[in-house]
């Protein structure tokens, strides 16, 4: 089973100024330097003052000192970028990893009105990254259909006022439970699909059922966190190897201040709930970035559901959406700050692969063969080490090495072969560890007299 270290990849998208920001002539607080760097709160052009050809600092003490804070991310998209640009840079690599057997996630983060839903879903004329990703995923699956069988199911959830609802059936609230495999949404079943058109229709249905209400900051403000998941089982038709993977695409509700959204009554309660869950998410991001062992996922239903995406067995991309207007100064700064912290999050990803059609005896035989190979390499290493010790001792006694007079009797030490032997032993140990883990898993299945089956046969989703 292949494992690899993975860092959360973070992209920043700067949206164009909206009509309200243009009408009020707001200052631009983000300068895109290149495709990986931005400057937050740069100096205005009219702040520069020259005297006798030399630049001097502006002395207007009534103005706030600019932060002029440089920030670096994996990807930076300016206000002229499109959803296709973001898809090409952020999502295409995830599709490749997904079909190789790795869980993948992408979530959009930012203040209300920053363009998150447009990035994720687009509109009638411009498809979002969700549609583009699904379309490419099906295209690649079609190319592999002769050698791999694909079974696909989807779920679409929203977290609204800390309650989990099924957007495809409007059933809820659903309870979250935890078992040895992670967080389980009790009572949620997957909807099987067979073509991209069915998947898109379910996505459209879920979007219609999602909770949205206008606020002063956004005429179509999403008042809930939406979690769209595609579960795939891949079965190799030749080897019988199976892979079960999950693609999660999360459109978070925007953080907001009541003063800017003018929320009262129900809208105020919604905003408080959104901010509470996003605060819990921010706390988890901070602690993961610091490398702490205890992460407070249980502080919110949102963070419980996102546990795998944040610090678990998953390759994750975070897209931080921000406004370039000084009207959103604090919100933009906080978003960029969290995005910078998220860049430090590391996780260990493993392929979700198991050879289900092989008997236990196969793994036992494989382990025995590896042990024999290790013993053989150990003998070679011991002989090489003894020979090195002899040569060292002869040199210390200031006499010519016996190997010079007995070169035909003993071959010279091959240090490259010694290094190669060590490398082979390390590789075999890794293979034995993988085989033993698989053997333990199969023994558990045999003891419980159950055959391996896809999650789609169950009435709950992990």
Foldseek 3Di string as FASTA:
>chain_A
DDKDKAAAAEEEEAAADDPVLVVVVFDFQWADPDFWKIFGQDDDPVQWDDDPRHTDGRDPVVDDDTPRHMDTGNGYHYNPDALVVCLVVPPPVVLVVQVVFFAAEEEEAFAWPLCLCCQQQNDPVGGHSVLVNLVVSQVVCVVCVVFKDKWKWKWKWKQFLQFIATLQVRDDRWDWDADPVAIWGPQAATHTDDDSVVVVVSVVSSVVSFDFPQFQSGRTFGLIKMKMKMWMWMAGPPQRKIHIYMYIYIYAGRQDDCVRRVDDDPRVSSNVSSNQVVVLVLQQLQCLLVVHDDRPQVSGPVSRVCVCQQARQYHYYYYYGHYRGPVCSVRRVVSSVSSSSSSSHMYMHDRRIANQPDDLVVLVVLLVVLVVLLVVLVVVLVVLVVVVVQVVVCVVVVHDRCCVVVVVPDPDRDVVVNVVSVVVNVVSVVVNVVSVVNSVVVVVCVVVVHGDDDPNVPSMDD
